[in-house]
Amino acid sequence: MKIADLIRILQTYPQDLRVVVDGYEDGYDDLVEDLIRVREIRLDIGENWWEGRHNDADFTPDIDGRVTNALVLHRPLKDQ
């Protein structure tokens, strides 16, 4: 998904609708603007069901896979 795709999707919802991200184990957390960042990620390297499909490029330097930038909506930690 690209920024334009996300904007198009978000524009179909009420502007006062809350945006959340899934929590670590369960539940949901509020989206925090300071935790929205561009990160360099390596695509399609997750092998286990508990892993995300992609991972940080600098965390996986020895693994083959296409690297690209992505806007990441980080979930807040409990104490933030």
PDB file of N, CA and C in Angstrom:
ATOM      1  N   MET A   1       0.848  -1.173   0.000  1.00  0.00           N
ATOM      2  CA  MET A   1       0.000   0.000   0.000  1.00  0.00           C
ATOM      3  C   MET A   1       0.893   1.236   0.000  1.00  0.00           C
ATOM      4  N   LYS A   2       0.511   2.221  -0.739  1.00  0.00           N
ATOM      5  CA  LYS A   2       1.231   3.493  -0.832  1.00  0.00           C
ATOM      6  C   LYS A   2       0.438   4.580  -0.084  1.00  0.00           C
ATOM      7  N   ILE A   3       1.092   5.721   0.164  1.00  0.00           N
ATOM      8  CA  ILE A   3       0.441   6.841   0.863  1.00  0.00           C
ATOM      9  C   ILE A   3      -0.866   7.231   0.160  1.00  0.00           C
ATOM     10  N   ALA A   4      -0.826   7.339  -1.166  1.00  0.00           N
ATOM     11  CA  ALA A   4      -2.031   7.724  -1.915  1.00  0.00           C
ATOM     12  C   ALA A   4      -3.168   6.731  -1.676  1.00  0.00           C
ATOM     13  N   ASP A   5      -2.845   5.423  -1.591  1.00  0.00           N
ATOM     14  CA  ASP A   5      -3.863   4.402  -1.327  1.00  0.00           C
ATOM     15  C   ASP A   5      -4.460   4.590   0.060  1.00  0.00           C
ATOM     16  N   LEU A   6      -3.599   4.838   1.046  1.00  0.00           N
ATOM     17  CA  LEU A   6      -4.064   5.036   2.411  1.00  0.00           C
ATOM     18  C   LEU A   6      -4.945   6.279   2.521  1.00  0.00           C
ATOM     19  N   ILE A   7      -4.532   7.358   1.894  1.00  0.00           N
ATOM     20  CA  ILE A   7      -5.329   8.588   1.913  1.00  0.00           C
ATOM     21  C   ILE A   7      -6.695   8.340   1.287  1.00  0.00           C
ATOM     22  N   ARG A   8      -6.714   7.660   0.148  1.00  0.00           N
ATOM     23  CA  ARG A   8      -7.980   7.365  -0.537  1.00  0.00           C
ATOM     24  C   ARG A   8      -8.895   6.557   0.383  1.00  0.00           C
ATOM     25  N   ILE A   9      -8.341   5.563   1.066  1.00  0.00           N
ATOM     26  CA  ILE A   9      -9.137   4.737   1.969  1.00  0.00           C
ATOM     27  C   ILE A   9      -9.621   5.551   3.161  1.00  0.00           C
ATOM     28  N   LEU A  10      -8.711   6.316   3.776  1.00  0.00           N
ATOM     29  CA  LEU A  10      -9.081   7.094   4.961  1.00  0.00           C
ATOM     30  C   LEU A  10     -10.138   8.151   4.653  1.00  0.00           C
ATOM     31  N   GLN A  11     -10.141   8.683   3.442  1.00  0.00           N
ATOM     32  CA  GLN A  11     -11.108   9.717   3.080  1.00  0.00           C
ATOM     33  C   GLN A  11     -12.537   9.185   3.002  1.00  0.00           C
ATOM     34  N   THR A  12     -12.709   7.869   3.034  1.00  0.00           N
ATOM     35  CA  THR A  12     -14.056   7.293   2.986  1.00  0.00           C
ATOM     36  C   THR A  12     -14.683   7.184   4.372  1.00  0.00           C
ATOM     37  N   TYR A  13     -13.915   7.532   5.412  1.00  0.00           N
ATOM     38  CA  TYR A  13     -14.395   7.422   6.785  1.00  0.00           C
ATOM     39  C   TYR A  13     -14.591   8.799   7.401  1.00  0.00           C
ATOM     40  N   PRO A  14     -15.431   8.893   8.442  1.00  0.00           N
ATOM     41  CA  PRO A  14     -15.612  10.171   9.119  1.00  0.00           C
ATOM     42  C   PRO A  14     -14.289  10.699   9.676  1.00  0.00           C
ATOM     43  N   GLN A  15     -14.086  11.993   9.592  1.00  0.00           N
ATOM     44  CA  GLN A  15     -12.826  12.594  10.025  1.00  0.00           C
ATOM     45  C   GLN A  15     -12.605  12.508  11.521  1.00  0.00           C
ATOM     46  N   ASP A  16     -13.652  12.279  12.295  1.00  0.00           N
ATOM     47  CA  ASP A  16     -13.477  12.181  13.747  1.00  0.00           C
ATOM     48  C   ASP A  16     -13.402  10.734  14.237  1.00  0.00           C
ATOM     49  N   LEU A  17     -13.271   9.771  13.315  1.00  0.00           N
ATOM     50  CA  LEU A  17     -13.154   8.371  13.690  1.00  0.00           C
ATOM     51  C   LEU A  17     -11.764   8.087  14.256  1.00  0.00           C
ATOM     52  N   ARG A  18     -11.708   7.444  15.399  1.00  0.00           N
ATOM     53  CA  ARG A  18     -10.436   7.124  16.056  1.00  0.00           C
ATOM     54  C   ARG A  18      -9.626   6.143  15.204  1.00  0.00           C
ATOM     55  N   VAL A  19      -8.288   6.295  15.208  1.00  0.00           N
ATOM     56  CA  VAL A  19      -7.376   5.380  14.523  1.00  0.00           C
ATOM     57  C   VAL A  19      -6.553   4.657  15.582  1.00  0.00           C
ATOM     58  N   VAL A  20      -6.515   3.324  15.511  1.00  0.00           N
ATOM     59  CA  VAL A  20      -5.770   2.528  16.477  1.00  0.00           C
ATOM     60  C   VAL A  20      -4.880   1.528  15.736  1.00  0.00           C
ATOM     61  N   VAL A  21      -3.907   0.980  16.455  1.00  0.00           N
ATOM     62  CA  VAL A  21      -3.089  -0.126  15.954  1.00  0.00           C
ATOM     63  C   VAL A  21      -3.288  -1.302  16.896  1.00  0.00           C
ATOM     64  N   ASP A  22      -3.057  -2.511  16.394  1.00  0.00           N
ATOM     65  CA  ASP A  22      -3.243  -3.660  17.260  1.00  0.00           C
ATOM     66  C   ASP A  22      -2.171  -3.696  18.328  1.00  0.00           C
ATOM     67  N   GLY A  23      -2.560  -4.155  19.516  1.00  0.00           N
ATOM     68  CA  GLY A  23      -1.640  -4.224  20.641  1.00  0.00           C
ATOM     69  C   GLY A  23      -0.676  -5.395  20.505  1.00  0.00           C
ATOM     70  N   TYR A  24       0.251  -5.488  21.412  1.00  0.00           N
ATOM     71  CA  TYR A  24       1.299  -6.519  21.348  1.00  0.00           C
ATOM     72  C   TYR A  24       0.718  -7.927  21.392  1.00  0.00           C
ATOM     73  N   GLU A  25      -0.054  -8.247  22.393  1.00  0.00           N
ATOM     74  CA  GLU A  25      -0.660  -9.576  22.512  1.00  0.00           C
ATOM     75  C   GLU A  25      -2.113  -9.559  22.064  1.00  0.00           C
ATOM     76  N   ASP A  26      -2.858  -8.572  22.552  1.00  0.00           N
ATOM     77  CA  ASP A  26      -4.256  -8.433  22.152  1.00  0.00           C
ATOM     78  C   ASP A  26      -4.704  -7.011  22.431  1.00  0.00           C
ATOM     79  N   GLY A  27      -5.913  -6.692  22.104  1.00  0.00           N
ATOM     80  CA  GLY A  27      -6.427  -5.348  22.304  1.00  0.00           C
ATOM     81  C   GLY A  27      -5.916  -4.370  21.254  1.00  0.00           C
ATOM     82  N   TYR A  28      -6.108  -3.095  21.509  1.00  0.00           N
ATOM     83  CA  TYR A  28      -5.764  -2.039  20.565  1.00  0.00           C
ATOM     84  C   TYR A  28      -5.137  -0.865  21.299  1.00  0.00           C
ATOM     85  N   ASP A  29      -4.313  -0.100  20.606  1.00  0.00           N
ATOM     86  CA  ASP A  29      -3.690   1.099  21.155  1.00  0.00           C
ATOM     87  C   ASP A  29      -3.985   2.271  20.238  1.00  0.00           C
ATOM     88  N   ASP A  30      -4.031   3.474  20.828  1.00  0.00           N
ATOM     89  CA  ASP A  30      -4.220   4.677  20.033  1.00  0.00           C
ATOM     90  C   ASP A  30      -2.985   4.937  19.180  1.00  0.00           C
ATOM     91  N   LEU A  31      -3.206   5.478  18.010  1.00  0.00           N
ATOM     92  CA  LEU A  31      -2.110   5.878  17.135  1.00  0.00           C
ATOM     93  C   LEU A  31      -1.522   7.175  17.671  1.00  0.00           C
ATOM     94  N   VAL A  32      -0.200   7.258  17.710  1.00  0.00           N
ATOM     95  CA  VAL A  32       0.496   8.428  18.239  1.00  0.00           C
ATOM     96  C   VAL A  32       1.330   9.040  17.121  1.00  0.00           C
ATOM     97  N   GLU A  33       1.096  10.316  16.815  1.00  0.00           N
ATOM     98  CA  GLU A  33       1.765  10.968  15.690  1.00  0.00           C
ATOM     99  C   GLU A  33       3.280  10.870  15.769  1.00  0.00           C
ATOM    100  N   ASP A  34       3.842  11.014  16.972  1.00  0.00           N
ATOM    101  CA  ASP A  34       5.300  10.963  17.128  1.00  0.00           C
ATOM    102  C   ASP A  34       5.880   9.581  16.805  1.00  0.00           C
ATOM    103  N   LEU A  35       5.030   8.559  16.721  1.00  0.00           N
ATOM    104  CA  LEU A  35       5.498   7.207  16.449  1.00  0.00           C
ATOM    105  C   LEU A  35       5.253   6.780  14.997  1.00  0.00           C
ATOM    106  N   ILE A  36       4.912   7.724  14.145  1.00  0.00           N
ATOM    107  CA  ILE A  36       4.771   7.469  12.715  1.00  0.00           C
ATOM    108  C   ILE A  36       6.081   7.884  12.071  1.00  0.00           C
ATOM    109  N   ARG A  37       6.786   6.900  11.499  1.00  0.00           N
ATOM    110  CA  ARG A  37       8.131   7.170  10.972  1.00  0.00           C
ATOM    111  C   ARG A  37       8.371   6.415   9.679  1.00  0.00           C
ATOM    112  N   VAL A  38       9.252   6.972   8.856  1.00  0.00           N
ATOM    113  CA  VAL A  38       9.729   6.258   7.681  1.00  0.00           C
ATOM    114  C   VAL A  38      10.894   5.385   8.112  1.00  0.00           C
ATOM    115  N   ARG A  39      10.826   4.107   7.760  1.00  0.00           N
ATOM    116  CA  ARG A  39      11.880   3.149   8.106  1.00  0.00           C
ATOM    117  C   ARG A  39      12.288   2.408   6.848  1.00  0.00           C
ATOM    118  N   GLU A  40      13.528   1.968   6.802  1.00  0.00           N
ATOM    119  CA  GLU A  40      13.994   1.103   5.726  1.00  0.00           C
ATOM    120  C   GLU A  40      13.698  -0.331   6.135  1.00  0.00           C
ATOM    121  N   ILE A  41      12.916  -1.044   5.307  1.00  0.00           N
ATOM    122  CA  ILE A  41      12.519  -2.406   5.633  1.00  0.00           C
ATOM    123  C   ILE A  41      12.959  -3.371   4.531  1.00  0.00           C
ATOM    124  N   ARG A  42      13.129  -4.629   4.920  1.00  0.00           N
ATOM    125  CA  ARG A  42      13.450  -5.703   3.973  1.00  0.00           C
ATOM    126  C   ARG A  42      12.158  -6.506   3.771  1.00  0.00           C
ATOM    127  N   LEU A  43      11.745  -6.654   2.514  1.00  0.00           N
ATOM    128  CA  LEU A  43      10.446  -7.239   2.185  1.00  0.00           C
ATOM    129  C   LEU A  43      10.465  -8.769   2.152  1.00  0.00           C
ATOM    130  N   ASP A  44       9.344  -9.338   2.568  1.00  0.00           N
ATOM    131  CA  ASP A  44       9.037 -10.761   2.388  1.00  0.00           C
ATOM    132  C   ASP A  44      10.069 -11.710   2.995  1.00  0.00           C
ATOM    133  N   ILE A  45      10.488 -11.432   4.228  1.00  0.00           N
ATOM    134  CA  ILE A  45      11.482 -12.308   4.850  1.00  0.00           C
ATOM    135  C   ILE A  45      10.950 -13.044   6.082  1.00  0.00           C
ATOM    136  N   GLY A  46       9.778 -12.660   6.572  1.00  0.00           N
ATOM    137  CA  GLY A  46       9.207 -13.340   7.736  1.00  0.00           C
ATOM    138  C   GLY A  46       8.840 -14.774   7.393  1.00  0.00           C
ATOM    139  N   GLU A  47       9.300 -15.713   8.198  1.00  0.00           N
ATOM    140  CA  GLU A  47       9.068 -17.135   7.925  1.00  0.00           C
ATOM    141  C   GLU A  47       8.087 -17.784   8.881  1.00  0.00           C
ATOM    142  N   ASN A  48       7.959 -17.234  10.080  1.00  0.00           N
ATOM    143  CA  ASN A  48       7.115 -17.847  11.105  1.00  0.00           C
ATOM    144  C   ASN A  48       5.790 -17.095  11.222  1.00  0.00           C
ATOM    145  N   TRP A  49       4.763 -17.777  11.715  1.00  0.00           N
ATOM    146  CA  TRP A  49       3.437 -17.181  11.789  1.00  0.00           C
ATOM    147  C   TRP A  49       3.403 -15.979  12.725  1.00  0.00           C
ATOM    148  N   TRP A  50       4.289 -15.946  13.723  1.00  0.00           N
ATOM    149  CA  TRP A  50       4.271 -14.843  14.694  1.00  0.00           C
ATOM    150  C   TRP A  50       5.066 -13.636  14.224  1.00  0.00           C
ATOM    151  N   GLU A  51       5.801 -13.759  13.146  1.00  0.00           N
ATOM    152  CA  GLU A  51       6.590 -12.645  12.618  1.00  0.00           C
ATOM    153  C   GLU A  51       5.762 -11.841  11.628  1.00  0.00           C
ATOM    154  N   GLY A  52       6.088 -10.580  11.502  1.00  0.00           N
ATOM    155  CA  GLY A  52       5.522  -9.811  10.412  1.00  0.00           C
ATOM    156  C   GLY A  52       6.109 -10.288   9.095  1.00  0.00           C
ATOM    157  N   ARG A  53       5.448  -9.952   8.031  1.00  0.00           N
ATOM    158  CA  ARG A  53       5.919 -10.363   6.704  1.00  0.00           C
ATOM    159  C   ARG A  53       7.247  -9.704   6.351  1.00  0.00           C
ATOM    160  N   HIS A  54       7.463  -8.481   6.832  1.00  0.00           N
ATOM    161  CA  HIS A  54       8.674  -7.715   6.544  1.00  0.00           C
ATOM    162  C   HIS A  54       9.391  -7.406   7.856  1.00  0.00           C
ATOM    163  N   ASN A  55      10.677  -6.941   7.754  1.00  0.00           N
ATOM    164  CA  ASN A  55      11.421  -6.604   8.971  1.00  0.00           C
ATOM    165  C   ASN A  55      12.336  -5.424   8.691  1.00  0.00           C
ATOM    166  N   ASP A  56      12.881  -4.839   9.755  1.00  0.00           N
ATOM    167  CA  ASP A  56      13.826  -3.734   9.595  1.00  0.00           C
ATOM    168  C   ASP A  56      15.028  -4.193   8.786  1.00  0.00           C
ATOM    169  N   ALA A  57      15.447  -3.384   7.824  1.00  0.00           N
ATOM    170  CA  ALA A  57      16.587  -3.746   6.975  1.00  0.00           C
ATOM    171  C   ALA A  57      17.866  -3.847   7.788  1.00  0.00           C
ATOM    172  N   ASP A  58      18.049  -2.948   8.754  1.00  0.00           N
ATOM    173  CA  ASP A  58      19.287  -2.983   9.533  1.00  0.00           C
ATOM    174  C   ASP A  58      19.317  -4.129  10.553  1.00  0.00           C
ATOM    175  N   PHE A  59      18.164  -4.727  10.826  1.00  0.00           N
ATOM    176  CA  PHE A  59      18.084  -5.868  11.740  1.00  0.00           C
ATOM    177  C   PHE A  59      18.383  -7.177  11.012  1.00  0.00           C
ATOM    178  N   THR A  60      18.301  -7.148   9.666  1.00  0.00           N
ATOM    179  CA  THR A  60      18.439  -8.362   8.870  1.00  0.00           C
ATOM    180  C   THR A  60      19.452  -8.180   7.739  1.00  0.00           C
ATOM    181  N   PRO A  61      20.657  -7.695   8.034  1.00  0.00           N
ATOM    182  CA  PRO A  61      21.597  -7.370   6.957  1.00  0.00           C
ATOM    183  C   PRO A  61      22.100  -8.577   6.168  1.00  0.00           C
ATOM    184  N   ASP A  62      22.065  -9.768   6.746  1.00  0.00           N
ATOM    185  CA  ASP A  62      22.601 -10.951   6.076  1.00  0.00           C
ATOM    186  C   ASP A  62      21.541 -11.758   5.331  1.00  0.00           C
ATOM    187  N   ILE A  63      20.327 -11.237   5.262  1.00  0.00           N
ATOM    188  CA  ILE A  63      19.235 -11.948   4.610  1.00  0.00           C
ATOM    189  C   ILE A  63      18.948 -11.278   3.272  1.00  0.00           C
ATOM    190  N   ASP A  64      18.823 -12.092   2.221  1.00  0.00           N
ATOM    191  CA  ASP A  64      18.460 -11.539   0.919  1.00  0.00           C
ATOM    192  C   ASP A  64      17.014 -11.100   0.946  1.00  0.00           C
ATOM    193  N   GLY A  65      16.740 -10.068   0.219  1.00  0.00           N
ATOM    194  CA  GLY A  65      15.380  -9.544   0.125  1.00  0.00           C
ATOM    195  C   GLY A  65      15.435  -8.095  -0.294  1.00  0.00           C
ATOM    196  N   ARG A  66      14.414  -7.689  -1.015  1.00  0.00           N
ATOM    197  CA  ARG A  66      14.360  -6.317  -1.504  1.00  0.00           C
ATOM    198  C   ARG A  66      14.173  -5.352  -0.335  1.00  0.00           C
ATOM    199  N   VAL A  67      14.923  -4.260  -0.352  1.00  0.00           N
ATOM    200  CA  VAL A  67      14.859  -3.235   0.692  1.00  0.00           C
ATOM    201  C   VAL A  67      14.151  -2.005   0.124  1.00  0.00           C
ATOM    202  N   THR A  68      13.251  -1.445   0.921  1.00  0.00           N
ATOM    203  CA  THR A  68      12.516  -0.254   0.504  1.00  0.00           C
ATOM    204  C   THR A  68      12.184   0.570   1.739  1.00  0.00           C
ATOM    205  N   ASN A  69      11.794   1.803   1.538  1.00  0.00           N
ATOM    206  CA  ASN A  69      11.308   2.645   2.623  1.00  0.00           C
ATOM    207  C   ASN A  69       9.817   2.429   2.802  1.00  0.00           C
ATOM    208  N   ALA A  70       9.354   2.523   4.044  1.00  0.00           N
ATOM    209  CA  ALA A  70       7.932   2.374   4.345  1.00  0.00           C
ATOM    210  C   ALA A  70       7.572   3.289   5.506  1.00  0.00           C
ATOM    211  N   LEU A  71       6.352   3.803   5.488  1.00  0.00           N
ATOM    212  CA  LEU A  71       5.833   4.573   6.610  1.00  0.00           C
ATOM    213  C   LEU A  71       5.308   3.585   7.637  1.00  0.00           C
ATOM    214  N   VAL A  72       5.884   3.601   8.836  1.00  0.00           N
ATOM    215  CA  VAL A  72       5.538   2.630   9.866  1.00  0.00           C
ATOM    216  C   VAL A  72       4.741   3.321  10.966  1.00  0.00           C
ATOM    217  N   LEU A  73       3.590   2.753  11.292  1.00  0.00           N
ATOM    218  CA  LEU A  73       2.756   3.253  12.381  1.00  0.00           C
ATOM    219  C   LEU A  73       3.084   2.412  13.607  1.00  0.00           C
ATOM    220  N   HIS A  74       4.060   2.861  14.378  1.00  0.00           N
ATOM    221  CA  HIS A  74       4.483   2.105  15.560  1.00  0.00           C
ATOM    222  C   HIS A  74       3.414   2.172  16.634  1.00  0.00           C
ATOM    223  N   ARG A  75       3.254   1.085  17.343  1.00  0.00           N
ATOM    224  CA  ARG A  75       2.302   1.100  18.455  1.00  0.00           C
ATOM    225  C   ARG A  75       3.014   1.655  19.684  1.00  0.00           C
ATOM    226  N   PRO A  76       2.305   2.427  20.496  1.00  0.00           N
ATOM    227  CA  PRO A  76       2.938   2.990  21.690  1.00  0.00           C
ATOM    228  C   PRO A  76       3.156   1.913  22.752  1.00  0.00           C
ATOM    229  N   LEU A  77       4.206   2.107  23.548  1.00  0.00           N
ATOM    230  CA  LEU A  77       4.424   1.241  24.695  1.00  0.00           C
ATOM    231  C   LEU A  77       3.514   1.702  25.824  1.00  0.00           C
ATOM    232  N   LYS A  78       3.255   0.856  26.773  1.00  0.00           N
ATOM    233  CA  LYS A  78       2.318   1.181  27.863  1.00  0.00           C
ATOM    234  C   LYS A  78       2.692   2.446  28.620  1.00  0.00           C
ATOM    235  N   ASP A  79       3.978   2.728  28.758  1.00  0.00           N
ATOM    236  CA  ASP A  79       4.384   3.893  29.551  1.00  0.00           C
ATOM    237  C   ASP A  79       4.540   5.162  28.727  1.00  0.00           C
ATOM    238  N   GLN A  80       4.143   5.144  27.464  1.00  0.00           N
ATOM    239  CA  GLN A  80       4.260   6.359  26.633  1.00  0.00           C
ATOM    240  C   GLN A  80       2.962   7.110  26.609  1.00  0.00           C
TER     241      GLN A  80
END
